[in-house]
Amino acid sequence: MFALPPILLLIVLDYLKPQAFIPGLAGLPLLYIFTGLAVLGFLIDVRLRISRMASTPQLPYVLLFIVWCLITVTLKQPAGLVARAQALLIPVSLYLLIGHMLQSFRALEALVVAISVICLFLAAVGVHQGLSGWGCHQLGFRNGEFVETYDGRECVPEEHGVCEAEASEAGDYSCERVGLFGTQSVLGRVRFRGTLSDPNDLALALGISVPFAFGFLERRRSVSRLVRLVATCVLVGVCAIFTQSRGGQLVFCTVVGVYFIRRYGWRGLVVGLCLALPILLLGGRSTGEDSTIERTECWYVGMRMFWSSPLLGVGSGLFTDHHYLTAHNSYILSSAELGMPGMLLWSSVLYLSTKIPIAALRTTRRGGAELAPVAMAWSLSLLAAMAGLLVGIFFLSWTYKEFLWIYIGLTGVLYHAIRRHDPTFKVELGRRDLVIVVVAVIVLQLALTVWTTWKVGGA
């Protein structure tokens, strides 16, 4: 599988952004290099008959979604068309590369291993940061980006202004926890850097990786895999607490709950609750009320944007042109920016991505006893991960986020892998599915409109 290594490197690049803390990598067009190598590798795989030209069930709706995004930008802000097309290219390319170029369970397991190891690393860095001391960080800009640089001095968060008062250089300073690889907390909340510089994003990205540890144990029960599962739950759980992300805590509870309920029935709910209880008891933050009010206001503004232009929305990527903050809700963001057609297309992609593992769990034994264990393990893991995503993106603007599209691609790999063993396996958006999507979207938009108007509009 010649396409696999460069795709794995793309995943590492997207999660860790190593060029940000490895000077030798700065300035290198790694994204384009790895993408080019992946395409070349896929062509070789096709030539050697390792892979074949085949599409995922989501492909038509993804392509229509991108076209609609560009149409809305063209009509709302034509000058930004090229920049928006480039921004959309990255997440969609990840889905296309992963979901179409990798077509076996071996490739799926390699991807899952990579994501699991990366997330364990991120969780360990986060736990270290959450346990580390506080230090003075100078605020500034480097290469056009806002950065915080630790200057070597210790500080106490409660003593405001101590960093500026004793600084050798003039400027603005903050007192934050000192992390590895030049990372630091924000308002005491653990985070990483790059695309995971927001604590909420970090908590969600880590939470949806937890089901993979269960999947490895299902594939082959051993002491080492049990240790990996325990380490994953502990590190991700503790990191979620340190991020103080309530959404991250819900995601952790969701993935664990879905896994145990689907695997062991409602009796598994007790085990899931026992694992999730410490996260619920120890998580949260004292400023949560202010954050909730701010987020609700963003939701209210987003729904007003949608109803002001229910067909086209305000244009893809243009939410912050109309409000000083993003939507903090992927469903509202897609509605506000893309109108009803865009929301339906995006929701259809999510629906199909969730339907694939569900359909697989219902038909895993059709291809023979040999297929059942591997298909069952990864279908259940991806179902739990998708459930966590659907919950987590309710509180984050992940409509175009790379991590969301990586997981959409993973369900595509699962689809191809099962079809290799069972060509009769097929997933599509039928009439009944379309009705479900339309009704769900309408109900959600009406519910959010009523709720936000009651909470904010009537205030």
Protein backbone atom coordinates (compact mmCIF):
# COMPACT_ATOMS: atom_id res chain seq x y z
CA MET A 1 0.00 0.00 0.00
CA PHE A 2 2.12 2.84 -1.32
CA ALA A 3 -0.51 5.48 -0.55
CA LEU A 4 -0.59 4.63 3.16
CA PRO A 5 2.76 6.10 4.42
CA PRO A 6 2.22 9.65 3.03
CA ILE A 7 -1.38 9.65 4.30
CA LEU A 8 -0.12 8.71 7.76
CA LEU A 9 2.34 11.59 7.55
CA LEU A 10 -0.51 13.93 6.61
CA ILE A 11 -2.39 12.86 9.74
CA VAL A 12 0.70 13.50 11.89
CA LEU A 13 1.11 16.88 10.21
CA ASP A 14 -2.50 17.84 10.84
CA TYR A 15 -2.62 16.80 14.49
CA LEU A 16 0.81 17.86 15.71
CA LYS A 17 1.92 20.65 13.35
CA PRO A 18 5.58 19.63 13.95
CA GLN A 19 6.89 22.46 11.80
CA ALA A 20 5.79 24.84 14.56
CA PHE A 21 8.36 23.50 17.05
CA ILE A 22 10.93 21.81 14.78
CA PRO A 23 12.84 24.68 13.13
CA GLY A 24 14.16 22.54 10.29
CA LEU A 25 10.64 21.84 9.05
CA ALA A 26 9.45 25.45 9.06
CA GLY A 27 8.81 26.77 5.58
CA LEU A 28 8.72 23.36 3.89
CA PRO A 29 5.54 22.69 1.83
CA LEU A 30 4.95 19.42 3.68
CA LEU A 31 1.21 19.41 3.00
CA TYR A 32 1.71 19.51 -0.77
CA ILE A 33 4.63 17.06 -0.69
CA PHE A 34 2.73 14.41 1.28
CA THR A 35 -0.44 14.93 -0.78
CA GLY A 36 1.49 14.48 -4.00
CA LEU A 37 3.17 11.34 -2.67
CA ALA A 38 -0.22 9.95 -1.60
CA VAL A 39 -1.68 10.45 -5.10
CA LEU A 40 1.40 8.87 -6.68
CA GLY A 41 1.22 5.97 -4.22
CA PHE A 42 -2.45 5.41 -5.01
CA LEU A 43 -1.75 5.27 -8.74
CA ILE A 44 0.91 2.63 -8.04
CA ASP A 45 -1.54 0.72 -5.83
CA VAL A 46 -4.12 0.75 -8.61
CA ARG A 47 -1.52 -0.38 -11.12
CA LEU A 48 -0.53 -3.27 -8.84
CA ARG A 49 -4.22 -4.03 -8.18
CA ILE A 50 -3.79 -3.41 -4.46
CA SER A 51 -6.52 -0.78 -4.69
CA ARG A 52 -9.18 0.11 -7.23
CA MET A 53 -11.08 3.16 -8.33
CA ALA A 54 -14.13 3.24 -6.08
CA SER A 55 -16.17 5.90 -4.34
CA THR A 56 -17.60 6.14 -0.85
CA PRO A 57 -21.34 6.69 -0.27
CA GLN A 58 -20.59 10.24 0.93
CA LEU A 59 -18.74 11.37 -2.22
CA PRO A 60 -21.65 12.84 -4.26
CA TYR A 61 -22.89 14.82 -1.27
CA VAL A 62 -19.40 16.02 -0.36
CA LEU A 63 -18.84 17.30 -3.90
CA LEU A 64 -22.23 19.04 -3.92
CA PHE A 65 -21.45 20.49 -0.49
CA ILE A 66 -18.19 22.02 -1.73
CA VAL A 67 -19.85 23.38 -4.86
CA TRP A 68 -22.58 24.95 -2.72
CA CYS A 69 -19.99 26.48 -0.38
CA LEU A 70 -18.26 28.13 -3.33
CA ILE A 71 -21.57 29.32 -4.78
CA THR A 72 -22.48 31.07 -1.52
CA VAL A 73 -19.08 32.78 -1.38
CA THR A 74 -19.34 33.82 -5.02
CA LEU A 75 -22.73 35.43 -4.44
CA LYS A 76 -21.96 36.95 -1.04
CA GLN A 77 -18.28 37.93 -1.28
CA PRO A 78 -16.77 37.11 -4.70
CA ALA A 79 -13.40 38.63 -3.80
CA GLY A 80 -12.87 35.87 -1.24
CA LEU A 81 -13.63 32.95 -3.57
CA VAL A 82 -10.04 31.84 -4.18
CA ALA A 83 -9.04 32.04 -0.51
CA ARG A 84 -12.15 30.13 0.53
CA ALA A 85 -11.59 27.43 -2.07
CA GLN A 86 -8.05 26.94 -0.75
CA ALA A 87 -9.32 26.73 2.85
CA LEU A 88 -11.91 24.09 1.92
CA LEU A 89 -9.39 22.08 -0.06
CA ILE A 90 -7.45 20.89 3.01
CA PRO A 91 -10.24 19.15 4.99
CA VAL A 92 -11.96 17.75 1.91
CA SER A 93 -8.66 16.46 0.51
CA LEU A 94 -8.06 14.55 3.75
CA TYR A 95 -11.44 12.84 3.33
CA LEU A 96 -10.79 12.09 -0.34
CA LEU A 97 -7.31 10.70 0.28
CA ILE A 98 -8.24 8.59 3.30
CA GLY A 99 -11.69 7.45 2.21
CA HIS A 100 -10.82 6.52 -1.36
CA MET A 101 -7.15 5.55 -1.49
CA LEU A 102 -7.17 3.15 1.49
CA GLN A 103 -9.48 0.19 1.10
CA SER A 104 -8.54 -2.61 3.50
CA PHE A 105 -8.81 -3.48 7.17
CA ARG A 106 -5.02 -3.49 7.36
CA ALA A 107 -4.95 0.13 6.19
CA LEU A 108 -7.77 1.03 8.59
CA GLU A 109 -5.86 -0.48 11.51
CA ALA A 110 -2.71 1.42 10.51
CA LEU A 111 -4.69 4.67 10.52
CA VAL A 112 -6.25 3.84 13.87
CA VAL A 113 -2.83 3.01 15.35
CA ALA A 114 -1.46 6.35 14.14
CA ILE A 115 -4.36 8.36 15.54
CA SER A 116 -4.28 6.46 18.83
CA VAL A 117 -0.54 7.00 19.32
CA ILE A 118 -0.80 10.67 18.39
CA CYS A 119 -3.68 11.21 20.81
CA LEU A 120 -1.89 9.37 23.61
CA PHE A 121 1.07 11.67 23.03
CA LEU A 122 -1.17 14.76 23.07
CA ALA A 123 -2.94 13.56 26.22
CA ALA A 124 0.40 12.97 27.95
CA VAL A 125 1.59 16.45 26.98
CA GLY A 126 -1.70 17.85 28.25
CA VAL A 127 -1.47 16.03 31.58
CA HIS A 128 2.12 17.22 32.02
CA GLN A 129 1.02 20.77 31.29
CA GLY A 130 -1.85 20.50 33.75
CA LEU A 131 0.52 19.37 36.51
CA SER A 132 3.32 21.83 35.72
CA GLY A 133 4.07 25.13 37.42
CA TRP A 134 3.11 28.64 36.34
CA GLY A 135 5.40 30.92 34.38
CA CYS A 136 5.47 34.36 32.76
CA HIS A 137 4.82 34.36 29.02
CA GLN A 138 5.51 37.33 26.79
CA LEU A 139 2.76 38.01 24.25
CA GLY A 140 3.64 38.88 20.70
CA PHE A 141 3.51 37.95 17.04
CA ARG A 142 5.81 35.66 15.07
CA ASN A 143 5.42 34.95 11.35
CA GLY A 144 2.04 36.66 11.45
CA GLU A 145 0.73 34.48 14.29
CA PHE A 146 -0.03 35.34 17.91
CA VAL A 147 2.42 33.55 20.22
CA GLU A 148 3.16 33.34 23.94
CA THR A 149 6.82 32.79 24.86
CA TYR A 150 7.92 31.57 28.28
CA ASP A 151 10.66 33.89 29.61
CA GLY A 152 11.88 31.57 32.40
CA ARG A 153 10.28 33.36 35.35
CA GLU A 154 7.80 31.77 37.73
CA CYS A 155 4.58 33.52 38.68
CA VAL A 156 1.36 33.17 40.64
CA PRO A 157 -1.92 33.57 38.72
CA GLU A 158 -3.60 35.44 41.55
CA GLU A 159 -0.94 38.19 41.51
CA HIS A 160 -2.00 40.12 38.45
CA GLY A 161 0.61 42.28 36.82
CA VAL A 162 3.65 40.64 38.46
CA CYS A 163 5.00 39.49 35.10
CA GLU A 164 4.87 43.00 33.58
CA ALA A 165 6.23 44.67 36.71
CA GLU A 166 9.39 42.56 36.88
CA ALA A 167 9.96 42.08 33.14
CA SER A 168 13.30 42.95 31.56
CA GLU A 169 11.49 43.82 28.31
CA ALA A 170 8.45 46.01 27.89
CA GLY A 171 5.31 44.38 26.56
CA ASP A 172 2.26 42.39 27.51
CA TYR A 173 2.58 39.23 29.61
CA SER A 174 0.39 36.43 30.88
CA CYS A 175 0.82 33.94 33.71
CA GLU A 176 0.13 30.42 32.42
CA ARG A 177 1.16 26.84 33.03
CA VAL A 178 4.40 25.92 31.25
CA GLY A 179 4.06 22.94 28.92
CA LEU A 180 6.32 20.87 26.68
CA PHE A 181 7.27 21.85 23.11
CA GLY A 182 6.65 25.52 23.78
CA THR A 183 3.03 24.99 24.79
CA GLN A 184 1.22 26.79 27.56
CA SER A 185 -2.26 26.91 29.04
CA VAL A 186 -4.83 29.62 28.33
CA LEU A 187 -6.51 31.01 31.43
CA GLY A 188 -5.19 27.92 33.19
CA ARG A 189 -6.85 25.53 30.74
CA VAL A 190 -4.68 22.89 29.07
CA ARG A 191 -4.21 23.04 25.30
CA PHE A 192 -1.70 22.12 22.58
CA ARG A 193 -0.87 24.30 19.60
CA GLY A 194 -1.81 24.78 15.95
CA THR A 195 -5.24 23.36 15.16
CA LEU A 196 -5.51 22.14 18.77
CA SER A 197 -4.63 25.42 20.47
CA ASP A 198 -8.17 25.66 21.82
CA PRO A 199 -8.79 23.51 24.94
CA ASN A 200 -12.22 22.47 23.66
CA ASP A 201 -10.79 21.28 20.34
CA LEU A 202 -8.12 19.29 22.16
CA ALA A 203 -10.68 17.63 24.44
CA LEU A 204 -12.91 16.63 21.52
CA ALA A 205 -10.05 15.33 19.35
CA LEU A 206 -8.81 13.17 22.23
CA GLY A 207 -12.24 11.98 23.32
CA ILE A 208 -13.22 10.53 19.95
CA SER A 209 -9.99 8.50 19.83
CA VAL A 210 -10.88 6.52 22.98
CA PRO A 211 -13.06 3.90 21.19
CA PHE A 212 -10.02 2.76 19.19
CA ALA A 213 -8.37 1.49 22.36
CA PHE A 214 -11.47 -0.64 22.98
CA GLY A 215 -11.31 -1.82 19.38
CA PHE A 216 -7.75 -3.08 19.73
CA LEU A 217 -8.70 -5.05 22.82
CA GLU A 218 -11.66 -6.55 20.96
CA ARG A 219 -9.40 -7.57 18.10
CA ARG A 220 -7.06 -9.51 20.38
CA ARG A 221 -7.30 -9.69 24.12
CA SER A 222 -3.91 -9.38 25.80
CA VAL A 223 -2.37 -7.75 28.85
CA SER A 224 -0.53 -5.17 26.75
CA ARG A 225 -3.72 -4.08 25.00
CA LEU A 226 -5.59 -3.93 28.28
CA VAL A 227 -2.82 -1.70 29.66
CA ARG A 228 -3.11 0.49 26.56
CA LEU A 229 -6.86 0.80 27.09
CA VAL A 230 -6.46 1.77 30.74
CA ALA A 231 -3.69 4.24 29.89
CA THR A 232 -5.85 5.80 27.17
CA CYS A 233 -8.88 6.23 29.41
CA VAL A 234 -6.80 7.66 32.27
CA LEU A 235 -4.69 10.04 30.20
CA VAL A 236 -7.55 11.27 28.01
CA GLY A 237 -9.87 11.54 31.00
CA VAL A 238 -7.37 13.51 33.11
CA CYS A 239 -6.51 15.72 30.15
CA ALA A 240 -10.23 16.41 29.60
CA ILE A 241 -10.45 17.51 33.23
CA PHE A 242 -7.43 19.82 32.79
CA THR A 243 -8.93 21.37 29.64
CA GLN A 244 -11.99 22.26 31.74
CA SER A 245 -14.06 21.57 28.63
CA ARG A 246 -17.63 20.60 29.42
CA GLY A 247 -18.13 19.56 25.81
CA GLY A 248 -15.06 17.34 26.03
CA GLN A 249 -16.47 15.68 29.13
CA LEU A 250 -19.76 14.99 27.33
CA VAL A 251 -17.85 13.49 24.41
CA PHE A 252 -15.91 11.18 26.73
CA CYS A 253 -19.13 10.04 28.36
CA THR A 254 -20.82 9.58 24.99
CA VAL A 255 -18.14 7.40 23.38
CA VAL A 256 -17.79 5.23 26.46
CA GLY A 257 -21.57 4.98 26.88
CA VAL A 258 -22.26 4.11 23.23
CA TYR A 259 -19.51 1.50 23.22
CA PHE A 260 -20.63 -0.31 26.36
CA ILE A 261 -24.36 -0.12 25.58
CA ARG A 262 -23.84 -1.45 22.05
CA ARG A 263 -21.41 -4.12 23.22
CA TYR A 264 -23.07 -5.30 26.44
CA GLY A 265 -26.58 -3.89 26.31
CA TRP A 266 -28.02 -1.64 28.96
CA ARG A 267 -26.00 -3.45 31.62
CA GLY A 268 -22.96 -1.90 29.99
CA LEU A 269 -24.37 1.52 30.86
CA VAL A 270 -23.39 0.92 34.49
CA VAL A 271 -19.77 0.26 33.52
CA GLY A 272 -19.75 3.28 31.22
CA LEU A 273 -21.09 5.53 33.95
CA CYS A 274 -18.45 4.29 36.37
CA LEU A 275 -15.71 5.22 33.89
CA ALA A 276 -17.25 8.60 33.08
CA LEU A 277 -18.23 9.61 36.63
CA PRO A 278 -14.80 10.99 37.64
CA ILE A 279 -14.75 13.17 34.52
CA LEU A 280 -18.17 14.61 35.34
CA LEU A 281 -17.33 15.21 39.00
CA LEU A 282 -13.89 16.76 38.51
CA GLY A 283 -14.42 18.66 35.25
CA GLY A 284 -15.88 22.08 34.57
CA ARG A 285 -14.66 25.55 35.41
CA SER A 286 -15.69 28.46 37.59
CA THR A 287 -16.23 30.82 34.64
CA GLY A 288 -18.65 28.40 32.99
CA GLU A 289 -21.71 30.65 33.38
CA ASP A 290 -20.11 33.52 31.45
CA SER A 291 -19.00 31.10 28.74
CA THR A 292 -22.52 29.67 28.46
CA ILE A 293 -24.06 33.13 28.06
CA GLU A 294 -21.51 34.07 25.40
CA ARG A 295 -22.07 30.82 23.50
CA THR A 296 -25.85 31.18 23.65
CA GLU A 297 -25.54 34.69 22.19
CA CYS A 298 -23.48 33.28 19.31
CA TRP A 299 -26.15 30.65 18.68
CA TYR A 300 -28.85 33.32 18.69
CA VAL A 301 -26.95 35.47 16.20
CA GLY A 302 -26.31 32.42 14.03
CA MET A 303 -29.97 31.51 13.85
CA ARG A 304 -30.83 35.10 12.98
CA MET A 305 -28.31 34.89 10.11
CA PHE A 306 -30.02 31.74 8.88
CA TRP A 307 -33.53 33.16 8.93
CA SER A 308 -32.35 36.37 7.26
CA SER A 309 -31.16 34.27 4.30
CA PRO A 310 -32.49 30.70 4.58
CA LEU A 311 -31.46 29.76 1.03
CA LEU A 312 -27.86 31.00 0.74
CA GLY A 313 -26.92 31.93 4.28
CA VAL A 314 -24.27 34.61 4.77
CA GLY A 315 -21.66 32.68 2.78
CA SER A 316 -19.18 29.93 3.62
CA GLY A 317 -16.50 31.15 6.03
CA LEU A 318 -18.18 34.55 6.50
CA PHE A 319 -19.84 34.08 9.91
CA THR A 320 -17.25 36.23 11.69
CA ASP A 321 -17.82 39.01 9.15
CA HIS A 322 -21.23 39.43 10.81
CA HIS A 323 -20.31 38.63 14.42
CA TYR A 324 -17.13 39.04 16.44
CA LEU A 325 -17.12 35.35 17.48
CA THR A 326 -17.71 32.13 15.59
CA ALA A 327 -20.91 30.14 16.08
CA HIS A 328 -19.56 27.63 18.66
CA ASN A 329 -21.95 25.12 17.10
CA SER A 330 -21.29 23.27 13.83
CA TYR A 331 -24.98 22.78 13.06
CA ILE A 332 -25.72 26.48 13.49
CA LEU A 333 -22.55 27.45 11.61
CA SER A 334 -23.50 25.39 8.56
CA SER A 335 -27.07 26.76 8.63
CA ALA A 336 -25.99 30.36 9.06
CA GLU A 337 -23.28 30.27 6.40
CA LEU A 338 -24.84 27.91 3.84
CA GLY A 339 -28.59 28.13 4.30
CA MET A 340 -30.92 25.14 4.17
CA PRO A 341 -29.37 23.44 1.07
CA GLY A 342 -25.86 23.52 2.53
CA MET A 343 -27.05 22.32 5.92
CA LEU A 344 -28.89 19.40 4.30
CA LEU A 345 -25.86 18.38 2.24
CA TRP A 346 -23.50 18.56 5.22
CA SER A 347 -25.99 16.67 7.40
CA SER A 348 -26.32 14.00 4.71
CA VAL A 349 -22.56 13.46 4.81
CA LEU A 350 -22.68 13.03 8.59
CA TYR A 351 -25.71 10.75 8.36
CA LEU A 352 -24.04 8.44 5.85
CA SER A 353 -20.81 8.41 7.86
CA THR A 354 -22.78 7.21 10.87
CA LYS A 355 -24.94 4.81 8.86
CA ILE A 356 -21.90 2.91 7.50
CA PRO A 357 -20.77 1.44 10.85
CA ILE A 358 -24.40 0.87 11.90
CA ALA A 359 -25.08 -1.06 8.70
CA ALA A 360 -21.84 -2.96 9.15
CA LEU A 361 -22.78 -4.02 12.68
CA ARG A 362 -26.00 -5.46 11.29
CA THR A 363 -24.35 -7.43 8.50
CA THR A 364 -20.86 -8.35 9.73
CA ARG A 365 -21.49 -12.08 9.50
CA ARG A 366 -22.70 -12.03 5.91
CA GLY A 367 -19.14 -12.28 4.57
CA GLY A 368 -18.24 -15.32 6.68
CA ALA A 369 -16.94 -15.98 10.16
CA GLU A 370 -13.46 -14.72 9.29
CA LEU A 371 -14.73 -11.23 8.51
CA ALA A 372 -16.94 -10.84 11.56
CA PRO A 373 -14.38 -10.07 14.32
CA VAL A 374 -12.44 -7.36 12.51
CA ALA A 375 -15.55 -5.78 11.00
CA MET A 376 -17.39 -5.84 14.33
CA ALA A 377 -14.49 -4.34 16.27
CA TRP A 378 -13.86 -1.35 14.00
CA SER A 379 -17.50 -0.74 13.14
CA LEU A 380 -18.34 -0.47 16.83
CA SER A 381 -15.33 1.78 17.48
CA LEU A 382 -16.20 4.10 14.59
CA LEU A 383 -19.85 4.21 15.63
CA ALA A 384 -18.83 5.33 19.13
CA ALA A 385 -16.39 7.86 17.65
CA MET A 386 -19.03 9.28 15.30
CA ALA A 387 -21.52 9.51 18.17
CA GLY A 388 -18.94 11.47 20.16
CA LEU A 389 -18.35 13.73 17.17
CA LEU A 390 -22.05 14.44 16.70
CA VAL A 391 -22.26 15.49 20.35
CA GLY A 392 -18.97 17.41 20.44
CA ILE A 393 -19.56 19.50 17.32
CA PHE A 394 -22.77 20.79 18.90
CA PHE A 395 -20.51 23.00 21.02
CA LEU A 396 -17.71 23.72 18.53
CA SER A 397 -17.41 25.16 15.03
CA TRP A 398 -16.13 22.00 13.34
CA THR A 399 -18.14 22.19 10.10
CA TYR A 400 -14.94 22.45 8.06
CA LYS A 401 -12.50 21.15 10.68
CA GLU A 402 -9.87 18.69 9.40
CA PHE A 403 -10.45 16.20 12.23
CA LEU A 404 -14.14 15.84 11.36
CA TRP A 405 -13.28 15.07 7.74
CA ILE A 406 -10.57 12.61 8.77
CA TYR A 407 -13.19 10.56 10.61
CA ILE A 408 -15.56 10.80 7.66
CA GLY A 409 -12.71 9.35 5.62
CA LEU A 410 -12.22 6.55 8.17
CA THR A 411 -15.81 5.42 7.69
CA GLY A 412 -15.09 5.34 3.96
CA VAL A 413 -12.14 3.01 4.55
CA LEU A 414 -14.40 0.75 6.62
CA TYR A 415 -16.95 0.73 3.79
CA HIS A 416 -14.39 -0.32 1.17
CA ALA A 417 -12.81 -2.91 3.48
CA ILE A 418 -16.15 -4.64 4.10
CA ARG A 419 -17.06 -4.56 0.40
CA ARG A 420 -13.79 -6.34 -0.39
CA HIS A 421 -15.04 -9.31 1.60
CA ASP A 422 -18.74 -8.85 0.91
CA PRO A 423 -19.50 -7.07 -2.41
CA THR A 424 -23.21 -7.09 -1.57
CA PHE A 425 -22.65 -4.68 1.32
CA LYS A 426 -24.01 -1.31 0.26
CA VAL A 427 -24.90 1.92 2.02
CA GLU A 428 -26.82 4.73 0.37
CA LEU A 429 -29.10 7.63 1.16
CA GLY A 430 -32.53 6.24 0.39
CA ARG A 431 -35.86 8.03 0.48
CA ARG A 432 -36.45 7.05 4.09
CA ASP A 433 -32.97 8.32 5.01
CA LEU A 434 -33.56 11.58 3.18
CA VAL A 435 -36.81 12.11 5.08
CA ILE A 436 -34.99 11.48 8.36
CA VAL A 437 -32.29 14.01 7.48
CA VAL A 438 -34.77 16.69 6.36
CA VAL A 439 -37.02 16.26 9.40
CA ALA A 440 -34.04 16.21 11.80
CA VAL A 441 -32.61 19.40 10.27
CA ILE A 442 -35.93 21.25 10.38
CA VAL A 443 -36.68 20.16 13.95
CA LEU A 444 -33.17 21.14 15.08
CA GLN A 445 -33.34 24.56 13.46
CA LEU A 446 -36.78 25.30 14.91
CA ALA A 447 -35.74 24.07 18.35
CA LEU A 448 -32.56 26.15 18.35
CA THR A 449 -34.46 29.20 17.11
CA VAL A 450 -37.09 28.94 19.85
CA TRP A 451 -34.56 28.20 22.57
CA THR A 452 -32.07 30.96 21.67
CA THR A 453 -34.87 33.50 21.21
CA TRP A 454 -36.21 32.60 24.65
CA LYS A 455 -32.78 32.78 26.27
CA VAL A 456 -31.39 35.85 24.49
CA GLY A 457 -33.96 37.51 22.30
CA GLY A 458 -36.48 37.88 25.08
CA ALA A 459 -33.94 39.11 27.59
